[in-house]
């Protein structure tokens, strides 16, 4: 798996306007408008316990990648615990860096 490639792809997706983060991810999961969820490895247990069951319930793939700081830097923002990818091609490309 190539973490740097995945983080770079997140940056491209952000510049294309195909990224959401934070609390908005919960609503987008429930509406099935997100194709991939990325959780920071250092996200709180509370965050993971909220997001992972939702992803499983709505059959949204998810990954744990880097730290909150890594995720924030990759999208040009402050540290982020959760990022959602809104475009299938970006989601597939990021997923393929892992599997």
N, C-alpha and C. Protein backbone atom coordinates (compact mmCIF):
# COMPACT_ATOMS: atom_id res chain seq x y z
N UNK A 1 0.83 -1.18 0.00
CA UNK A 1 0.00 0.00 0.00
C UNK A 1 0.87 1.24 0.00
N UNK A 2 0.44 2.24 -0.69
CA UNK A 2 1.22 3.45 -0.87
C UNK A 2 0.48 4.63 -0.25
N UNK A 3 0.83 4.96 1.00
CA UNK A 3 0.14 6.02 1.72
C UNK A 3 0.31 7.37 1.04
N UNK A 4 1.53 7.66 0.56
CA UNK A 4 1.77 8.96 -0.07
C UNK A 4 0.94 9.14 -1.32
N UNK A 5 0.81 8.09 -2.12
CA UNK A 5 0.00 8.17 -3.33
C UNK A 5 -1.46 8.44 -2.97
N UNK A 6 -1.96 7.75 -1.95
CA UNK A 6 -3.34 7.95 -1.51
C UNK A 6 -3.55 9.38 -1.02
N UNK A 7 -2.60 9.90 -0.26
CA UNK A 7 -2.71 11.27 0.24
C UNK A 7 -2.66 12.28 -0.90
N UNK A 8 -1.81 12.02 -1.90
CA UNK A 8 -1.76 12.90 -3.07
C UNK A 8 -3.08 12.88 -3.83
N UNK A 9 -3.67 11.71 -3.97
CA UNK A 9 -4.97 11.61 -4.64
C UNK A 9 -6.05 12.37 -3.88
N UNK A 10 -5.98 12.35 -2.56
CA UNK A 10 -6.93 13.15 -1.76
C UNK A 10 -6.78 14.63 -2.08
N UNK A 11 -5.55 15.08 -2.25
CA UNK A 11 -5.32 16.47 -2.62
C UNK A 11 -5.92 16.82 -3.96
N UNK A 12 -5.77 15.94 -4.94
CA UNK A 12 -6.39 16.17 -6.26
C UNK A 12 -7.90 16.22 -6.13
N UNK A 13 -8.46 15.30 -5.35
CA UNK A 13 -9.92 15.27 -5.17
C UNK A 13 -10.41 16.55 -4.49
N UNK A 14 -9.64 17.06 -3.53
CA UNK A 14 -10.01 18.31 -2.85
C UNK A 14 -10.03 19.46 -3.84
N UNK A 15 -9.00 19.54 -4.67
CA UNK A 15 -8.93 20.63 -5.66
C UNK A 15 -10.07 20.53 -6.67
N UNK A 16 -10.56 19.32 -6.90
CA UNK A 16 -11.69 19.11 -7.82
C UNK A 16 -13.03 19.32 -7.11
N UNK A 17 -13.01 19.60 -5.82
CA UNK A 17 -14.24 19.82 -5.07
C UNK A 17 -15.00 18.55 -4.76
N UNK A 18 -14.30 17.43 -4.66
CA UNK A 18 -14.94 16.13 -4.45
C UNK A 18 -14.64 15.52 -3.08
N UNK A 19 -14.39 16.38 -2.09
CA UNK A 19 -14.06 15.94 -0.74
C UNK A 19 -14.97 16.65 0.26
N UNK A 20 -15.41 15.90 1.27
CA UNK A 20 -16.06 16.49 2.43
C UNK A 20 -15.31 15.99 3.65
N UNK A 21 -15.50 16.66 4.77
CA UNK A 21 -14.81 16.20 5.98
C UNK A 21 -15.63 16.53 7.21
N UNK A 22 -15.25 15.89 8.30
CA UNK A 22 -15.89 16.16 9.58
C UNK A 22 -17.31 15.62 9.68
N UNK A 23 -18.15 16.36 10.40
CA UNK A 23 -19.52 15.95 10.68
C UNK A 23 -20.35 15.74 9.42
N UNK A 24 -20.04 16.45 8.35
CA UNK A 24 -20.81 16.31 7.10
C UNK A 24 -20.76 14.88 6.58
N UNK A 25 -19.71 14.15 6.91
CA UNK A 25 -19.57 12.77 6.42
C UNK A 25 -20.73 11.90 6.86
N UNK A 26 -21.21 12.09 8.08
CA UNK A 26 -22.31 11.27 8.59
C UNK A 26 -23.54 11.40 7.71
N UNK A 27 -23.92 12.63 7.39
CA UNK A 27 -25.10 12.85 6.56
C UNK A 27 -24.90 12.29 5.16
N UNK A 28 -23.72 12.47 4.59
CA UNK A 28 -23.45 11.98 3.24
C UNK A 28 -23.45 10.45 3.18
N UNK A 29 -23.00 9.80 4.26
CA UNK A 29 -23.05 8.34 4.31
C UNK A 29 -24.51 7.89 4.28
N UNK A 30 -25.34 8.51 5.12
CA UNK A 30 -26.75 8.13 5.20
C UNK A 30 -27.49 8.38 3.89
N UNK A 31 -27.05 9.38 3.13
CA UNK A 31 -27.67 9.69 1.84
C UNK A 31 -27.03 8.90 0.70
N UNK A 32 -26.01 8.10 1.03
CA UNK A 32 -25.26 7.32 0.04
C UNK A 32 -24.68 8.21 -1.07
N UNK A 33 -24.18 9.37 -0.68
CA UNK A 33 -23.58 10.31 -1.64
C UNK A 33 -22.06 10.29 -1.57
N UNK A 34 -21.52 9.38 -0.79
CA UNK A 34 -20.08 9.28 -0.64
C UNK A 34 -19.64 7.89 -1.10
N UNK A 35 -18.49 7.81 -1.77
CA UNK A 35 -18.02 6.54 -2.33
C UNK A 35 -16.91 5.89 -1.50
N UNK A 36 -16.28 6.67 -0.62
CA UNK A 36 -15.21 6.14 0.22
C UNK A 36 -15.05 7.05 1.43
N UNK A 37 -14.88 6.45 2.60
CA UNK A 37 -14.60 7.20 3.82
C UNK A 37 -13.17 6.88 4.24
N UNK A 38 -12.44 7.92 4.61
CA UNK A 38 -11.07 7.74 5.10
C UNK A 38 -11.03 8.26 6.53
N UNK A 39 -10.62 7.39 7.43
CA UNK A 39 -10.48 7.73 8.84
C UNK A 39 -9.01 7.86 9.18
N UNK A 40 -8.68 8.87 9.97
CA UNK A 40 -7.31 8.98 10.47
C UNK A 40 -7.07 7.85 11.46
N UNK A 41 -5.86 7.31 11.45
CA UNK A 41 -5.53 6.23 12.38
C UNK A 41 -5.60 6.70 13.82
N UNK A 42 -5.41 8.00 14.05
CA UNK A 42 -5.48 8.53 15.42
C UNK A 42 -6.81 9.21 15.72
N UNK A 43 -7.83 8.92 14.91
CA UNK A 43 -9.17 9.43 15.21
C UNK A 43 -9.63 8.85 16.54
N UNK A 44 -10.46 9.58 17.25
CA UNK A 44 -10.92 9.10 18.56
C UNK A 44 -11.76 7.84 18.42
N UNK A 45 -11.80 7.07 19.48
CA UNK A 45 -12.64 5.86 19.48
C UNK A 45 -14.09 6.23 19.25
N UNK A 46 -14.52 7.36 19.80
CA UNK A 46 -15.89 7.81 19.60
C UNK A 46 -16.19 8.04 18.12
N UNK A 47 -15.27 8.70 17.43
CA UNK A 47 -15.44 8.94 15.99
C UNK A 47 -15.49 7.63 15.22
N UNK A 48 -14.56 6.74 15.51
CA UNK A 48 -14.54 5.44 14.82
C UNK A 48 -15.80 4.64 15.11
N UNK A 49 -16.26 4.68 16.37
CA UNK A 49 -17.47 3.94 16.75
C UNK A 49 -18.73 4.52 16.12
N UNK A 50 -18.66 5.77 15.70
CA UNK A 50 -19.80 6.39 15.02
C UNK A 50 -19.75 6.12 13.52
N UNK A 51 -18.59 6.27 12.90
CA UNK A 51 -18.47 6.20 11.44
C UNK A 51 -18.43 4.77 10.92
N UNK A 52 -17.66 3.90 11.52
CA UNK A 52 -17.49 2.54 10.98
C UNK A 52 -18.81 1.77 10.91
N UNK A 53 -19.63 1.76 11.97
CA UNK A 53 -20.92 1.06 11.84
C UNK A 53 -21.83 1.65 10.75
N UNK A 54 -21.79 2.97 10.59
CA UNK A 54 -22.58 3.60 9.52
C UNK A 54 -22.10 3.14 8.15
N UNK A 55 -20.79 3.11 7.97
CA UNK A 55 -20.24 2.65 6.70
C UNK A 55 -20.67 1.21 6.41
N UNK A 56 -20.61 0.38 7.42
CA UNK A 56 -21.02 -1.02 7.23
C UNK A 56 -22.51 -1.11 6.92
N UNK A 57 -23.32 -0.35 7.64
CA UNK A 57 -24.77 -0.38 7.43
C UNK A 57 -25.14 0.05 6.02
N UNK A 58 -24.49 1.11 5.52
CA UNK A 58 -24.82 1.65 4.20
C UNK A 58 -23.90 1.12 3.11
N UNK A 59 -23.05 0.16 3.47
CA UNK A 59 -22.15 -0.49 2.52
C UNK A 59 -21.22 0.50 1.80
N UNK A 60 -20.65 1.41 2.58
CA UNK A 60 -19.68 2.38 2.08
C UNK A 60 -18.29 1.89 2.50
N UNK A 61 -17.37 1.69 1.55
CA UNK A 61 -16.03 1.25 1.93
C UNK A 61 -15.31 2.32 2.75
N UNK A 62 -14.44 1.87 3.64
CA UNK A 62 -13.67 2.81 4.45
C UNK A 62 -12.25 2.29 4.65
N UNK A 63 -11.35 3.23 4.87
CA UNK A 63 -9.93 2.93 5.11
C UNK A 63 -9.45 3.74 6.30
N UNK A 64 -8.43 3.24 6.98
CA UNK A 64 -7.71 4.05 7.96
C UNK A 64 -6.39 4.43 7.32
N UNK A 65 -6.09 5.72 7.31
CA UNK A 65 -4.92 6.22 6.60
C UNK A 65 -4.29 7.38 7.35
N UNK A 66 -3.05 7.25 7.71
CA UNK A 66 -2.29 8.36 8.27
C UNK A 66 -2.90 8.94 9.54
N UNK A 67 -2.38 10.09 9.91
CA UNK A 67 -2.85 10.79 11.10
C UNK A 67 -3.82 11.89 10.71
N UNK A 68 -4.45 12.50 11.70
CA UNK A 68 -5.34 13.63 11.43
C UNK A 68 -4.56 14.76 10.75
N UNK A 69 -3.33 14.96 11.19
CA UNK A 69 -2.49 16.00 10.58
C UNK A 69 -2.21 15.66 9.12
N UNK A 70 -1.86 14.40 8.83
CA UNK A 70 -1.60 13.97 7.45
C UNK A 70 -2.82 14.23 6.56
N UNK A 71 -4.00 13.86 7.05
CA UNK A 71 -5.22 14.05 6.25
C UNK A 71 -5.49 15.52 6.01
N UNK A 72 -5.33 16.33 7.06
CA UNK A 72 -5.55 17.77 6.91
C UNK A 72 -4.59 18.39 5.90
N UNK A 73 -3.32 18.05 6.02
CA UNK A 73 -2.32 18.59 5.10
C UNK A 73 -2.63 18.16 3.67
N UNK A 74 -3.05 16.92 3.48
CA UNK A 74 -3.29 16.42 2.12
C UNK A 74 -4.40 17.18 1.41
N UNK A 75 -5.34 17.74 2.18
CA UNK A 75 -6.43 18.50 1.54
C UNK A 75 -6.30 20.01 1.79
N UNK A 76 -5.16 20.43 2.33
CA UNK A 76 -4.90 21.85 2.52
C UNK A 76 -5.74 22.48 3.62
N UNK A 77 -6.04 21.72 4.66
CA UNK A 77 -6.88 22.22 5.74
C UNK A 77 -6.26 21.85 7.08
N UNK A 78 -6.95 22.24 8.15
CA UNK A 78 -6.51 21.86 9.49
C UNK A 78 -6.69 20.36 9.68
N UNK A 79 -6.15 19.78 10.76
CA UNK A 79 -6.27 18.33 10.96
C UNK A 79 -7.71 17.83 10.85
N UNK A 80 -7.87 16.68 10.19
CA UNK A 80 -9.19 16.08 9.96
C UNK A 80 -9.16 14.62 10.39
N UNK A 81 -10.21 14.18 11.09
CA UNK A 81 -10.31 12.78 11.51
C UNK A 81 -11.02 11.93 10.48
N UNK A 82 -11.94 12.56 9.72
CA UNK A 82 -12.76 11.82 8.75
C UNK A 82 -12.84 12.62 7.46
N UNK A 83 -12.64 11.93 6.34
CA UNK A 83 -12.77 12.54 5.01
C UNK A 83 -13.65 11.63 4.17
N UNK A 84 -14.54 12.23 3.40
CA UNK A 84 -15.38 11.48 2.48
C UNK A 84 -15.04 11.86 1.05
N UNK A 85 -14.99 10.87 0.17
CA UNK A 85 -14.69 11.09 -1.25
C UNK A 85 -16.01 10.99 -2.01
N UNK A 86 -16.36 12.06 -2.74
CA UNK A 86 -17.66 12.17 -3.38
C UNK A 86 -17.69 11.75 -4.84
N UNK A 87 -16.57 11.30 -5.37
CA UNK A 87 -16.52 10.95 -6.79
C UNK A 87 -15.94 9.54 -6.92
N UNK A 88 -16.63 8.69 -7.66
CA UNK A 88 -16.28 7.27 -7.74
C UNK A 88 -14.87 7.03 -8.28
N UNK A 89 -14.46 7.75 -9.30
CA UNK A 89 -13.13 7.52 -9.88
C UNK A 89 -12.02 7.82 -8.87
N UNK A 90 -12.15 8.92 -8.12
CA UNK A 90 -11.16 9.22 -7.09
C UNK A 90 -11.19 8.13 -6.01
N UNK A 91 -12.39 7.74 -5.59
CA UNK A 91 -12.52 6.70 -4.56
C UNK A 91 -11.87 5.40 -5.01
N UNK A 92 -12.13 5.00 -6.25
CA UNK A 92 -11.54 3.76 -6.78
C UNK A 92 -10.02 3.85 -6.83
N UNK A 93 -9.50 5.00 -7.27
CA UNK A 93 -8.05 5.16 -7.37
C UNK A 93 -7.39 5.09 -5.99
N UNK A 94 -8.00 5.71 -5.00
CA UNK A 94 -7.45 5.67 -3.64
C UNK A 94 -7.53 4.24 -3.11
N UNK A 95 -8.66 3.58 -3.30
CA UNK A 95 -8.85 2.20 -2.84
C UNK A 95 -7.79 1.28 -3.44
N UNK A 96 -7.48 1.47 -4.73
CA UNK A 96 -6.52 0.61 -5.43
C UNK A 96 -5.09 0.77 -4.91
N UNK A 97 -4.79 1.89 -4.25
CA UNK A 97 -3.46 2.04 -3.66
C UNK A 97 -3.28 1.11 -2.46
N UNK A 98 -4.39 0.58 -1.95
CA UNK A 98 -4.35 -0.32 -0.79
C UNK A 98 -4.55 -1.77 -1.16
N UNK A 99 -5.38 -2.04 -2.19
CA UNK A 99 -5.75 -3.43 -2.50
C UNK A 99 -5.55 -3.75 -3.96
